[in-house]
Amino acid sequence: MTKIVDLLVRRDGYTHEEFADRWQGDHAELAKDLPGLQRYVTSVPTDPERAVYDGVLELYFEDMDALSDAFDSDLAETVQADAAEFIDLEAGPRLIVEETVQLDERDD
């Protein structure tokens, strides 16, 4: 499983609450239809006033080919343009990783 992990910073002019509402609302509805996307997780800090980042994004794909195909799609262009309106896309780091689950209590 290949996963993108982005640590997100909101654009100036947005409160943390406005950012979270947009990101987890209209933007999520758009992004969840990326081709090949298998899991889509958004996380916001429990204490945003003390956090360095406004959110953590996790996008799961079967492999790097699926990830590449998703980001080469027309929908990805639309998703990225929408994200650029409220996320400072250059501010936070991005990791592309191969996930290894060590424990998942949900599987029991």
C-alpha atoms as a PDB file:
ATOM      1  CA  MET A   1       0.000   0.000   0.000  1.00  0.00           C
ATOM      2  CA  THR A   2       1.377   3.389  -1.039  1.00  0.00           C
ATOM      3  CA  LYS A   3       0.344   6.386   0.997  1.00  0.00           C
ATOM      4  CA  ILE A   4       0.740  10.139   0.698  1.00  0.00           C
ATOM      5  CA  VAL A   5       0.996  11.957   4.017  1.00  0.00           C
ATOM      6  CA  ASP A   6       0.714  15.750   3.872  1.00  0.00           C
ATOM      7  CA  LEU A   7       1.037  18.081   6.849  1.00  0.00           C
ATOM      8  CA  LEU A   8      -1.183  21.005   5.917  1.00  0.00           C
ATOM      9  CA  VAL A   9      -1.041  24.711   6.662  1.00  0.00           C
ATOM     10  CA  ARG A  10      -4.041  26.916   5.952  1.00  0.00           C
ATOM     11  CA  ARG A  11      -3.744  30.011   3.783  1.00  0.00           C
ATOM     12  CA  ASP A  12      -3.695  33.414   5.409  1.00  0.00           C
ATOM     13  CA  GLY A  13      -7.199  34.794   5.774  1.00  0.00           C
ATOM     14  CA  TYR A  14      -8.711  31.492   6.952  1.00  0.00           C
ATOM     15  CA  THR A  15      -9.348  30.635  10.570  1.00  0.00           C
ATOM     16  CA  HIS A  16      -8.570  27.078  11.585  1.00  0.00           C
ATOM     17  CA  GLU A  17     -12.316  26.370  11.801  1.00  0.00           C
ATOM     18  CA  GLU A  18     -12.977  27.781   8.316  1.00  0.00           C
ATOM     19  CA  PHE A  19     -10.088  25.729   6.960  1.00  0.00           C
ATOM     20  CA  ALA A  20     -11.332  22.500   8.598  1.00  0.00           C
ATOM     21  CA  ASP A  21     -14.925  23.053   7.423  1.00  0.00           C
ATOM     22  CA  ARG A  22     -13.840  23.609   3.825  1.00  0.00           C
ATOM     23  CA  TRP A  23     -11.277  20.800   3.826  1.00  0.00           C
ATOM     24  CA  GLN A  24     -13.485  18.174   5.437  1.00  0.00           C
ATOM     25  CA  GLY A  25     -16.625  19.341   3.628  1.00  0.00           C
ATOM     26  CA  ASP A  26     -16.788  20.473   0.015  1.00  0.00           C
ATOM     27  CA  HIS A  27     -13.147  19.660  -0.738  1.00  0.00           C
ATOM     28  CA  ALA A  28     -13.415  16.116   0.641  1.00  0.00           C
ATOM     29  CA  GLU A  29     -16.501  15.474  -1.476  1.00  0.00           C
ATOM     30  CA  LEU A  30     -14.508  16.430  -4.546  1.00  0.00           C
ATOM     31  CA  ALA A  31     -11.260  14.630  -3.654  1.00  0.00           C
ATOM     32  CA  LYS A  32     -12.773  11.308  -2.596  1.00  0.00           C
ATOM     33  CA  ASP A  33     -13.484  10.501  -6.258  1.00  0.00           C
ATOM     34  CA  LEU A  34      -9.821  10.513  -7.330  1.00  0.00           C
ATOM     35  CA  PRO A  35      -9.270   7.438  -9.512  1.00  0.00           C
ATOM     36  CA  GLY A  36      -7.691   4.515  -7.657  1.00  0.00           C
ATOM     37  CA  LEU A  37      -8.044   6.115  -4.226  1.00  0.00           C
ATOM     38  CA  GLN A  38      -8.629   3.343  -1.684  1.00  0.00           C
ATOM     39  CA  ARG A  39      -8.678   5.238   1.599  1.00  0.00           C
ATOM     40  CA  TYR A  40      -8.880   8.945   2.389  1.00  0.00           C
ATOM     41  CA  VAL A  41      -8.228  10.184   5.940  1.00  0.00           C
ATOM     42  CA  THR A  42      -8.258  13.744   7.282  1.00  0.00           C
ATOM     43  CA  SER A  43      -7.133  14.611  10.802  1.00  0.00           C
ATOM     44  CA  VAL A  44      -7.218  17.947  12.599  1.00  0.00           C
ATOM     45  CA  PRO A  45      -5.371  18.827  15.803  1.00  0.00           C
ATOM     46  CA  THR A  46      -7.290  18.668  19.058  1.00  0.00           C
ATOM     47  CA  ASP A  47      -5.653  21.951  20.137  1.00  0.00           C
ATOM     48  CA  PRO A  48      -5.181  23.963  16.923  1.00  0.00           C
ATOM     49  CA  GLU A  49      -3.866  27.034  18.751  1.00  0.00           C
ATOM     50  CA  ARG A  50      -0.794  25.067  19.837  1.00  0.00           C
ATOM     51  CA  ALA A  51      -0.302  23.029  16.650  1.00  0.00           C
ATOM     52  CA  VAL A  52       2.264  23.765  13.954  1.00  0.00           C
ATOM     53  CA  TYR A  53       0.015  22.271  11.259  1.00  0.00           C
ATOM     54  CA  ASP A  54      -3.706  22.626  10.615  1.00  0.00           C
ATOM     55  CA  GLY A  55      -4.250  19.079   9.426  1.00  0.00           C
ATOM     56  CA  VAL A  56      -2.842  15.748   8.333  1.00  0.00           C
ATOM     57  CA  LEU A  57      -3.943  14.243   5.037  1.00  0.00           C
ATOM     58  CA  GLU A  58      -3.527  10.549   4.187  1.00  0.00           C
ATOM     59  CA  LEU A  59      -4.317   9.227   0.710  1.00  0.00           C
ATOM     60  CA  TYR A  60      -3.943   5.476   0.130  1.00  0.00           C
ATOM     61  CA  PHE A  61      -3.340   3.793  -3.235  1.00  0.00           C
ATOM     62  CA  GLU A  62      -2.564   0.224  -4.260  1.00  0.00           C
ATOM     63  CA  ASP A  63       0.883   1.204  -5.589  1.00  0.00           C
ATOM     64  CA  MET A  64       2.903   4.046  -7.129  1.00  0.00           C
ATOM     65  CA  ASP A  65       1.346   3.457 -10.552  1.00  0.00           C
ATOM     66  CA  ALA A  66      -2.144   3.989  -9.116  1.00  0.00           C
ATOM     67  CA  LEU A  67      -0.963   7.111  -7.292  1.00  0.00           C
ATOM     68  CA  SER A  68       0.594   8.480 -10.483  1.00  0.00           C
ATOM     69  CA  ASP A  69      -2.528   7.728 -12.507  1.00  0.00           C
ATOM     70  CA  ALA A  70      -4.682   9.523  -9.934  1.00  0.00           C
ATOM     71  CA  PHE A  71      -2.532  12.650  -9.991  1.00  0.00           C
ATOM     72  CA  ASP A  72      -2.369  12.641 -13.789  1.00  0.00           C
ATOM     73  CA  SER A  73      -6.178  12.723 -14.004  1.00  0.00           C
ATOM     74  CA  ASP A  74      -8.350  15.710 -14.891  1.00  0.00           C
ATOM     75  CA  LEU A  75     -10.017  15.450 -11.488  1.00  0.00           C
ATOM     76  CA  ALA A  76      -6.635  15.841  -9.753  1.00  0.00           C
ATOM     77  CA  GLU A  77      -6.173  19.197 -11.482  1.00  0.00           C
ATOM     78  CA  THR A  78      -9.553  20.319 -10.167  1.00  0.00           C
ATOM     79  CA  VAL A  79      -8.799  19.012  -6.655  1.00  0.00           C
ATOM     80  CA  GLN A  80      -5.402  20.739  -6.580  1.00  0.00           C
ATOM     81  CA  ALA A  81      -6.873  24.041  -7.784  1.00  0.00           C
ATOM     82  CA  ASP A  82      -9.552  23.853  -5.099  1.00  0.00           C
ATOM     83  CA  ALA A  83      -6.991  23.011  -2.396  1.00  0.00           C
ATOM     84  CA  ALA A  84      -4.804  25.954  -3.430  1.00  0.00           C
ATOM     85  CA  GLU A  85      -7.633  28.322  -2.500  1.00  0.00           C
ATOM     86  CA  PHE A  86      -7.426  27.483   1.241  1.00  0.00           C
ATOM     87  CA  ILE A  87      -4.208  25.459   1.752  1.00  0.00           C
ATOM     88  CA  ASP A  88      -0.686  26.850   1.476  1.00  0.00           C
ATOM     89  CA  LEU A  89       0.526  23.958  -0.679  1.00  0.00           C
ATOM     90  CA  GLU A  90       4.211  24.853  -0.253  1.00  0.00           C
ATOM     91  CA  ALA A  91       4.200  25.278   3.545  1.00  0.00           C
ATOM     92  CA  GLY A  92       3.959  21.729   4.855  1.00  0.00           C
ATOM     93  CA  PRO A  93       5.996  18.631   4.123  1.00  0.00           C
ATOM     94  CA  ARG A  94       4.805  15.689   2.031  1.00  0.00           C
ATOM     95  CA  LEU A  95       5.864  12.092   2.410  1.00  0.00           C
ATOM     96  CA  ILE A  96       5.126   9.278  -0.004  1.00  0.00           C
ATOM     97  CA  VAL A  97       5.532   6.059   1.944  1.00  0.00           C
ATOM     98  CA  GLU A  98       4.970   2.332   1.830  1.00  0.00           C
ATOM     99  CA  GLU A  99       2.784   1.562   4.815  1.00  0.00           C
ATOM    100  CA  THR A 100       3.523  -1.408   7.065  1.00  0.00           C
ATOM    101  CA  VAL A 101       0.842  -2.043   9.679  1.00  0.00           C
ATOM    102  CA  GLN A 102       2.365  -3.374  12.901  1.00  0.00           C
ATOM    103  CA  LEU A 103      -0.935  -3.622  14.804  1.00  0.00           C
ATOM    104  CA  ASP A 104      -4.546  -3.006  13.889  1.00  0.00           C
ATOM    105  CA  GLU A 105      -6.995  -3.852  16.671  1.00  0.00           C
ATOM    106  CA  ARG A 106      -9.852  -3.297  14.234  1.00  0.00           C
ATOM    107  CA  ASP A 107      -8.900  -6.541  12.481  1.00  0.00           C
ATOM    108  CA  ASP A 108      -9.779  -8.666  15.528  1.00  0.00           C
END
